[in-house]
């Protein structure tokens, strides 16, 4: 009886080892390092099935732009994502800026070259494996998008392992305009962007928050979302 019980115990233990990683790694989590206490329990690991990816805003306090139009451009040292048409990449970034301009027409964004002379300086560069992008508040305005481990998509139907470039750019642009993260899961400024999904339209919360920075309080009392 004892040997049979021992084999059953070992079998149960091996089964637990097989199932446990799947249970842990499939759990969706988000990460905002600016609010992390530093404990390992605060840091979420990306799932192995590519459900989502993370970004972080590397600043301590937000600001805003005071002179218009707000300019943006690619830094001369920037690479572009491999396998994508360069013009399509530029078009996706342009479309991301245009979405924010619909909320605040005063931005009147203008793309300039070289980007070193722009308010918002864009660079595709290798980033830490946990992140797809970094956005810096005004008046810094630097915007980094990963060119190393992130598989970017410019299609309207990204694959399960692809991250939509326009959606990711819109989030980082929001930071460069002065926005912090949103707690609304439907918002572009929500800290988690899922693989294979699109967030190319601003939510009511995105619009209200950006207008809070750039419009008067009396105007916002009228347009504040319910």
C-alpha atoms as a PDB file:
ATOM      1  CA  UNK A   1       0.000   0.000   0.000  1.00  0.00           C
ATOM      2  CA  UNK A   2       2.819   2.385   0.845  1.00  0.00           C
ATOM      3  CA  UNK A   3       4.571   2.167  -2.594  1.00  0.00           C
ATOM      4  CA  UNK A   4       1.263   2.722  -4.413  1.00  0.00           C
ATOM      5  CA  UNK A   5       0.493   5.741  -2.262  1.00  0.00           C
ATOM      6  CA  UNK A   6       3.985   7.102  -2.913  1.00  0.00           C
ATOM      7  CA  UNK A   7       3.531   6.798  -6.711  1.00  0.00           C
ATOM      8  CA  UNK A   8       0.175   8.593  -6.477  1.00  0.00           C
ATOM      9  CA  UNK A   9       1.771  11.397  -4.494  1.00  0.00           C
ATOM     10  CA  UNK A  10       4.583  11.828  -7.019  1.00  0.00           C
ATOM     11  CA  UNK A  11       2.083  11.791  -9.890  1.00  0.00           C
ATOM     12  CA  UNK A  12      -0.016  14.497  -8.258  1.00  0.00           C
ATOM     13  CA  UNK A  13       3.089  16.602  -7.637  1.00  0.00           C
ATOM     14  CA  UNK A  14       4.220  16.338 -11.279  1.00  0.00           C
ATOM     15  CA  UNK A  15       0.741  17.263 -12.483  1.00  0.00           C
ATOM     16  CA  UNK A  16       0.855  20.350 -10.246  1.00  0.00           C
ATOM     17  CA  UNK A  17       4.187  21.380 -11.765  1.00  0.00           C
ATOM     18  CA  UNK A  18       2.727  21.102 -15.272  1.00  0.00           C
ATOM     19  CA  UNK A  19      -0.432  23.061 -14.549  1.00  0.00           C
ATOM     20  CA  UNK A  20       0.916  25.759 -12.259  1.00  0.00           C
ATOM     21  CA  UNK A  21       2.885  27.851 -14.836  1.00  0.00           C
ATOM     22  CA  UNK A  22      -0.173  28.059 -17.078  1.00  0.00           C
ATOM     23  CA  UNK A  23      -2.366  29.281 -14.254  1.00  0.00           C
ATOM     24  CA  UNK A  24       0.136  31.946 -13.204  1.00  0.00           C
ATOM     25  CA  UNK A  25       1.269  33.169 -16.618  1.00  0.00           C
ATOM     26  CA  UNK A  26      -2.234  33.404 -18.079  1.00  0.00           C
ATOM     27  CA  UNK A  27      -3.364  35.850 -15.398  1.00  0.00           C
ATOM     28  CA  UNK A  28      -3.764  39.331 -16.988  1.00  0.00           C
ATOM     29  CA  UNK A  29      -1.966  42.004 -14.965  1.00  0.00           C
ATOM     30  CA  UNK A  30      -0.934  45.611 -15.534  1.00  0.00           C
ATOM     31  CA  UNK A  31       2.099  47.606 -14.537  1.00  0.00           C
ATOM     32  CA  UNK A  32       2.577  51.234 -13.636  1.00  0.00           C
ATOM     33  CA  UNK A  33       6.086  51.676 -12.237  1.00  0.00           C
ATOM     34  CA  UNK A  34       5.442  55.220 -11.052  1.00  0.00           C
ATOM     35  CA  UNK A  35       2.970  53.833  -8.495  1.00  0.00           C
ATOM     36  CA  UNK A  36       4.800  50.590  -7.666  1.00  0.00           C
ATOM     37  CA  UNK A  37       5.942  50.010  -4.090  1.00  0.00           C
ATOM     38  CA  UNK A  38       8.969  48.096  -5.364  1.00  0.00           C
ATOM     39  CA  UNK A  39       7.739  44.672  -4.288  1.00  0.00           C
ATOM     40  CA  UNK A  40       7.972  41.801  -6.747  1.00  0.00           C
ATOM     41  CA  UNK A  41       4.254  41.239  -6.142  1.00  0.00           C
ATOM     42  CA  UNK A  42       3.566  44.626  -7.774  1.00  0.00           C
ATOM     43  CA  UNK A  43       5.244  43.659 -11.030  1.00  0.00           C
ATOM     44  CA  UNK A  44       3.168  41.737 -13.535  1.00  0.00           C
ATOM     45  CA  UNK A  45       4.784  39.289 -15.935  1.00  0.00           C
ATOM     46  CA  UNK A  46       3.537  39.273 -19.530  1.00  0.00           C
ATOM     47  CA  UNK A  47       1.647  36.112 -20.432  1.00  0.00           C
ATOM     48  CA  UNK A  48       3.224  33.651 -22.816  1.00  0.00           C
ATOM     49  CA  UNK A  49       0.198  33.693 -25.119  1.00  0.00           C
ATOM     50  CA  UNK A  50       0.762  37.356 -26.038  1.00  0.00           C
ATOM     51  CA  UNK A  51      -2.464  38.727 -24.612  1.00  0.00           C
ATOM     52  CA  UNK A  52      -1.001  42.096 -23.752  1.00  0.00           C
ATOM     53  CA  UNK A  53       2.056  44.276 -23.562  1.00  0.00           C
ATOM     54  CA  UNK A  54       3.102  47.057 -21.221  1.00  0.00           C
ATOM     55  CA  UNK A  55       4.532  50.537 -21.337  1.00  0.00           C
ATOM     56  CA  UNK A  56       5.692  53.048 -18.778  1.00  0.00           C
ATOM     57  CA  UNK A  57       5.718  56.822 -18.555  1.00  0.00           C
ATOM     58  CA  UNK A  58       9.144  57.911 -17.325  1.00  0.00           C
ATOM     59  CA  UNK A  59       8.280  61.239 -15.701  1.00  0.00           C
ATOM     60  CA  UNK A  60       7.271  62.493 -12.285  1.00  0.00           C
ATOM     61  CA  UNK A  61       4.885  65.371 -13.025  1.00  0.00           C
ATOM     62  CA  UNK A  62       2.859  66.360 -16.061  1.00  0.00           C
ATOM     63  CA  UNK A  63       2.867  69.629 -17.980  1.00  0.00           C
ATOM     64  CA  UNK A  64       1.360  71.104 -21.127  1.00  0.00           C
ATOM     65  CA  UNK A  65       2.308  72.904 -24.332  1.00  0.00           C
ATOM     66  CA  UNK A  66       1.671  76.636 -24.501  1.00  0.00           C
ATOM     67  CA  UNK A  67       2.770  77.485 -28.041  1.00  0.00           C
ATOM     68  CA  UNK A  68       0.920  76.252 -31.119  1.00  0.00           C
ATOM     69  CA  UNK A  69       1.156  74.528 -33.478  1.00  0.00           C
ATOM     70  CA  UNK A  70       2.762  71.622 -31.635  1.00  0.00           C
ATOM     71  CA  UNK A  71       5.410  70.051 -33.855  1.00  0.00           C
ATOM     72  CA  UNK A  72       6.545  66.444 -34.014  1.00  0.00           C
ATOM     73  CA  UNK A  73       9.126  64.544 -35.993  1.00  0.00           C
ATOM     74  CA  UNK A  74      11.344  61.484 -36.243  1.00  0.00           C
ATOM     75  CA  UNK A  75      14.830  61.910 -34.864  1.00  0.00           C
ATOM     76  CA  UNK A  76      17.529  61.461 -37.489  1.00  0.00           C
ATOM     77  CA  UNK A  77      19.047  58.556 -35.530  1.00  0.00           C
ATOM     78  CA  UNK A  78      15.771  56.620 -35.483  1.00  0.00           C
ATOM     79  CA  UNK A  79      15.365  53.217 -37.119  1.00  0.00           C
ATOM     80  CA  UNK A  80      12.032  51.959 -38.444  1.00  0.00           C
ATOM     81  CA  UNK A  81      10.344  48.640 -37.645  1.00  0.00           C
ATOM     82  CA  UNK A  82      11.625  45.864 -39.887  1.00  0.00           C
ATOM     83  CA  UNK A  83       9.242  44.480 -42.472  1.00  0.00           C
ATOM     84  CA  UNK A  84       6.941  47.505 -42.584  1.00  0.00           C
ATOM     85  CA  UNK A  85       6.619  50.026 -45.379  1.00  0.00           C
ATOM     86  CA  UNK A  86       8.254  53.268 -44.143  1.00  0.00           C
ATOM     87  CA  UNK A  87       5.485  55.453 -45.574  1.00  0.00           C
ATOM     88  CA  UNK A  88       2.835  53.297 -43.885  1.00  0.00           C
ATOM     89  CA  UNK A  89       4.655  53.757 -40.570  1.00  0.00           C
ATOM     90  CA  UNK A  90       4.666  57.533 -41.034  1.00  0.00           C
ATOM     91  CA  UNK A  91       0.981  57.450 -41.994  1.00  0.00           C
ATOM     92  CA  UNK A  92       0.119  55.518 -38.815  1.00  0.00           C
ATOM     93  CA  UNK A  93       1.934  58.063 -36.644  1.00  0.00           C
ATOM     94  CA  UNK A  94       0.270  60.944 -38.500  1.00  0.00           C
ATOM     95  CA  UNK A  95      -3.144  59.345 -37.950  1.00  0.00           C
ATOM     96  CA  UNK A  96      -2.412  58.986 -34.230  1.00  0.00           C
ATOM     97  CA  UNK A  97      -1.660  62.709 -33.926  1.00  0.00           C
ATOM     98  CA  UNK A  98      -4.779  63.590 -35.923  1.00  0.00           C
ATOM     99  CA  UNK A  99      -6.955  61.713 -33.437  1.00  0.00           C
ATOM    100  CA  UNK A 100      -5.696  63.920 -30.607  1.00  0.00           C
ATOM    101  CA  UNK A 101      -6.180  67.007 -32.772  1.00  0.00           C
ATOM    102  CA  UNK A 102      -9.881  66.174 -33.119  1.00  0.00           C
ATOM    103  CA  UNK A 103     -10.182  66.621 -29.344  1.00  0.00           C
ATOM    104  CA  UNK A 104      -8.128  69.835 -29.217  1.00  0.00           C
ATOM    105  CA  UNK A 105      -8.017  71.491 -32.676  1.00  0.00           C
ATOM    106  CA  UNK A 106      -5.657  74.165 -31.328  1.00  0.00           C
ATOM    107  CA  UNK A 107      -2.810  71.664 -31.420  1.00  0.00           C
ATOM    108  CA  UNK A 108      -2.587  72.027 -35.235  1.00  0.00           C
ATOM    109  CA  UNK A 109       0.127  69.363 -35.242  1.00  0.00           C
ATOM    110  CA  UNK A 110       2.861  69.749 -37.835  1.00  0.00           C
ATOM    111  CA  UNK A 111       5.414  67.101 -38.738  1.00  0.00           C
ATOM    112  CA  UNK A 112       8.924  68.528 -39.172  1.00  0.00           C
ATOM    113  CA  UNK A 113      12.313  67.142 -40.083  1.00  0.00           C
ATOM    114  CA  UNK A 114      14.657  66.576 -38.441  1.00  0.00           C
ATOM    115  CA  UNK A 115      12.775  65.624 -35.301  1.00  0.00           C
ATOM    116  CA  UNK A 116      15.511  67.038 -33.101  1.00  0.00           C
ATOM    117  CA  UNK A 117      13.928  70.448 -33.742  1.00  0.00           C
ATOM    118  CA  UNK A 118      10.362  69.328 -32.882  1.00  0.00           C
ATOM    119  CA  UNK A 119       8.405  69.662 -29.656  1.00  0.00           C
ATOM    120  CA  UNK A 120       7.689  65.913 -29.693  1.00  0.00           C
ATOM    121  CA  UNK A 121      10.774  63.932 -30.722  1.00  0.00           C
ATOM    122  CA  UNK A 122       9.980  60.408 -31.943  1.00  0.00           C
ATOM    123  CA  UNK A 123      12.505  57.599 -32.057  1.00  0.00           C
ATOM    124  CA  UNK A 124      12.201  53.872 -32.721  1.00  0.00           C
ATOM    125  CA  UNK A 125      14.838  52.295 -30.515  1.00  0.00           C
ATOM    126  CA  UNK A 126      15.553  49.043 -28.616  1.00  0.00           C
ATOM    127  CA  UNK A 127      13.728  49.123 -25.277  1.00  0.00           C
ATOM    128  CA  UNK A 128      13.656  46.871 -22.249  1.00  0.00           C
ATOM    129  CA  UNK A 129      11.736  43.637 -22.994  1.00  0.00           C
ATOM    130  CA  UNK A 130       8.878  44.616 -20.653  1.00  0.00           C
ATOM    131  CA  UNK A 131       7.914  47.745 -22.588  1.00  0.00           C
ATOM    132  CA  UNK A 132       6.792  48.831 -26.020  1.00  0.00           C
ATOM    133  CA  UNK A 133       7.067  52.577 -25.463  1.00  0.00           C
ATOM    134  CA  UNK A 134       8.032  55.528 -23.286  1.00  0.00           C
ATOM    135  CA  UNK A 135       6.397  58.959 -23.282  1.00  0.00           C
ATOM    136  CA  UNK A 136       7.734  62.077 -21.537  1.00  0.00           C
ATOM    137  CA  UNK A 137       5.559  64.967 -20.410  1.00  0.00           C
ATOM    138  CA  UNK A 138       5.978  68.525 -21.767  1.00  0.00           C
ATOM    139  CA  UNK A 139       8.252  70.334 -22.120  1.00  0.00           C
ATOM    140  CA  UNK A 140      10.496  67.274 -22.584  1.00  0.00           C
ATOM    141  CA  UNK A 141       8.371  65.651 -25.279  1.00  0.00           C
ATOM    142  CA  UNK A 142      10.526  62.620 -26.098  1.00  0.00           C
ATOM    143  CA  UNK A 143       8.634  59.597 -27.427  1.00  0.00           C
ATOM    144  CA  UNK A 144      10.247  56.175 -27.814  1.00  0.00           C
ATOM    145  CA  UNK A 145       8.743  53.129 -29.524  1.00  0.00           C
ATOM    146  CA  UNK A 146      10.397  49.738 -29.390  1.00  0.00           C
ATOM    147  CA  UNK A 147      12.176  48.469 -32.505  1.00  0.00           C
ATOM    148  CA  UNK A 148      13.693  45.337 -30.966  1.00  0.00           C
ATOM    149  CA  UNK A 149      11.181  42.869 -29.484  1.00  0.00           C
ATOM    150  CA  UNK A 150       7.783  44.361 -30.423  1.00  0.00           C
ATOM    151  CA  UNK A 151       6.083  43.067 -33.553  1.00  0.00           C
ATOM    152  CA  UNK A 152       4.236  46.130 -34.833  1.00  0.00           C
ATOM    153  CA  UNK A 153       1.215  46.034 -37.135  1.00  0.00           C
ATOM    154  CA  UNK A 154      -0.216  48.740 -39.381  1.00  0.00           C
ATOM    155  CA  UNK A 155      -3.222  46.666 -40.471  1.00  0.00           C
ATOM    156  CA  UNK A 156      -6.800  47.123 -39.294  1.00  0.00           C
ATOM    157  CA  UNK A 157      -6.775  43.506 -38.096  1.00  0.00           C
ATOM    158  CA  UNK A 158      -3.495  42.826 -36.251  1.00  0.00           C
ATOM    159  CA  UNK A 159      -2.533  39.229 -35.561  1.00  0.00           C
ATOM    160  CA  UNK A 160      -2.648  37.765 -32.053  1.00  0.00           C
ATOM    161  CA  UNK A 161       1.087  38.395 -31.576  1.00  0.00           C
ATOM    162  CA  UNK A 162       1.150  41.900 -33.102  1.00  0.00           C
ATOM    163  CA  UNK A 163       0.757  45.294 -31.469  1.00  0.00           C
ATOM    164  CA  UNK A 164      -1.107  47.979 -33.403  1.00  0.00           C
ATOM    165  CA  UNK A 165       1.282  50.840 -34.126  1.00  0.00           C
ATOM    166  CA  UNK A 166      -1.328  53.594 -34.258  1.00  0.00           C
ATOM    167  CA  UNK A 167      -2.859  52.469 -30.957  1.00  0.00           C
ATOM    168  CA  UNK A 168       0.514  52.333 -29.206  1.00  0.00           C
ATOM    169  CA  UNK A 169       1.559  55.685 -30.638  1.00  0.00           C
ATOM    170  CA  UNK A 170      -1.692  57.328 -29.529  1.00  0.00           C
ATOM    171  CA  UNK A 171      -1.046  56.276 -25.939  1.00  0.00           C
ATOM    172  CA  UNK A 172       2.516  57.587 -25.916  1.00  0.00           C
ATOM    173  CA  UNK A 173       1.458  60.825 -27.648  1.00  0.00           C
ATOM    174  CA  UNK A 174      -1.030  61.310 -24.825  1.00  0.00           C
ATOM    175  CA  UNK A 175       1.841  61.321 -22.345  1.00  0.00           C
ATOM    176  CA  UNK A 176       3.811  63.804 -24.450  1.00  0.00           C
ATOM    177  CA  UNK A 177       0.754  66.097 -24.364  1.00  0.00           C
ATOM    178  CA  UNK A 178       0.609  65.942 -20.558  1.00  0.00           C
ATOM    179  CA  UNK A 179      -1.757  63.057 -19.814  1.00  0.00           C
ATOM    180  CA  UNK A 180      -1.277  60.482 -17.090  1.00  0.00           C
ATOM    181  CA  UNK A 181      -2.745  56.975 -17.166  1.00  0.00           C
ATOM    182  CA  UNK A 182      -6.502  56.463 -17.106  1.00  0.00           C
ATOM    183  CA  UNK A 183      -8.403  53.969 -14.950  1.00  0.00           C
ATOM    184  CA  UNK A 184     -10.979  53.488 -17.719  1.00  0.00           C
ATOM    185  CA  UNK A 185     -10.222  50.205 -19.554  1.00  0.00           C
ATOM    186  CA  UNK A 186     -11.762  51.607 -22.754  1.00  0.00           C
ATOM    187  CA  UNK A 187      -9.453  54.629 -22.771  1.00  0.00           C
ATOM    188  CA  UNK A 188      -6.420  55.021 -25.012  1.00  0.00           C
ATOM    189  CA  UNK A 189      -4.569  56.138 -21.874  1.00  0.00           C
ATOM    190  CA  UNK A 190      -5.309  52.913 -19.995  1.00  0.00           C
ATOM    191  CA  UNK A 191      -1.858  51.457 -19.136  1.00  0.00           C
ATOM    192  CA  UNK A 192      -2.398  48.056 -20.789  1.00  0.00           C
ATOM    193  CA  UNK A 193      -2.541  47.600 -24.555  1.00  0.00           C
ATOM    194  CA  UNK A 194      -3.584  44.142 -25.726  1.00  0.00           C
ATOM    195  CA  UNK A 195      -2.004  42.283 -28.597  1.00  0.00           C
ATOM    196  CA  UNK A 196      -4.242  41.787 -31.608  1.00  0.00           C
ATOM    197  CA  UNK A 197      -6.530  44.680 -30.623  1.00  0.00           C
ATOM    198  CA  UNK A 198      -7.166  48.243 -31.774  1.00  0.00           C
ATOM    199  CA  UNK A 199      -7.500  51.450 -29.746  1.00  0.00           C
ATOM    200  CA  UNK A 200      -7.594  54.064 -32.479  1.00  0.00           C
ATOM    201  CA  UNK A 201     -10.516  56.110 -31.128  1.00  0.00           C
ATOM    202  CA  UNK A 202     -10.402  58.359 -28.080  1.00  0.00           C
ATOM    203  CA  UNK A 203     -12.808  57.495 -25.293  1.00  0.00           C
ATOM    204  CA  UNK A 204     -14.928  60.092 -23.482  1.00  0.00           C
ATOM    205  CA  UNK A 205     -12.419  59.946 -20.628  1.00  0.00           C
ATOM    206  CA  UNK A 206      -9.464  60.577 -22.978  1.00  0.00           C
ATOM    207  CA  UNK A 207     -11.237  63.596 -24.465  1.00  0.00           C
ATOM    208  CA  UNK A 208     -12.247  65.022 -21.114  1.00  0.00           C
ATOM    209  CA  UNK A 209      -8.775  64.625 -19.621  1.00  0.00           C
ATOM    210  CA  UNK A 210      -6.971  66.279 -22.530  1.00  0.00           C
ATOM    211  CA  UNK A 211      -9.504  69.116 -22.591  1.00  0.00           C
ATOM    212  CA  UNK A 212      -9.048  69.511 -18.824  1.00  0.00           C
ATOM    213  CA  UNK A 213      -5.438  70.461 -19.521  1.00  0.00           C
ATOM    214  CA  UNK A 214      -6.001  72.713 -22.534  1.00  0.00           C
ATOM    215  CA  UNK A 215      -9.485  74.218 -22.071  1.00  0.00           C
ATOM    216  CA  UNK A 216     -11.116  76.383 -19.441  1.00  0.00           C
ATOM    217  CA  UNK A 217     -13.078  74.961 -16.497  1.00  0.00           C
ATOM    218  CA  UNK A 218     -16.322  76.624 -17.628  1.00  0.00           C
ATOM    219  CA  UNK A 219     -16.124  74.804 -20.948  1.00  0.00           C
ATOM    220  CA  UNK A 220     -15.437  71.483 -19.251  1.00  0.00           C
ATOM    221  CA  UNK A 221     -18.446  71.812 -16.972  1.00  0.00           C
ATOM    222  CA  UNK A 222     -20.560  71.507 -20.121  1.00  0.00           C
ATOM    223  CA  UNK A 223     -18.760  68.609 -21.822  1.00  0.00           C
ATOM    224  CA  UNK A 224     -17.764  66.487 -18.801  1.00  0.00           C
ATOM    225  CA  UNK A 225     -18.798  62.848 -19.439  1.00  0.00           C
ATOM    226  CA  UNK A 226     -21.469  61.367 -17.177  1.00  0.00           C
END
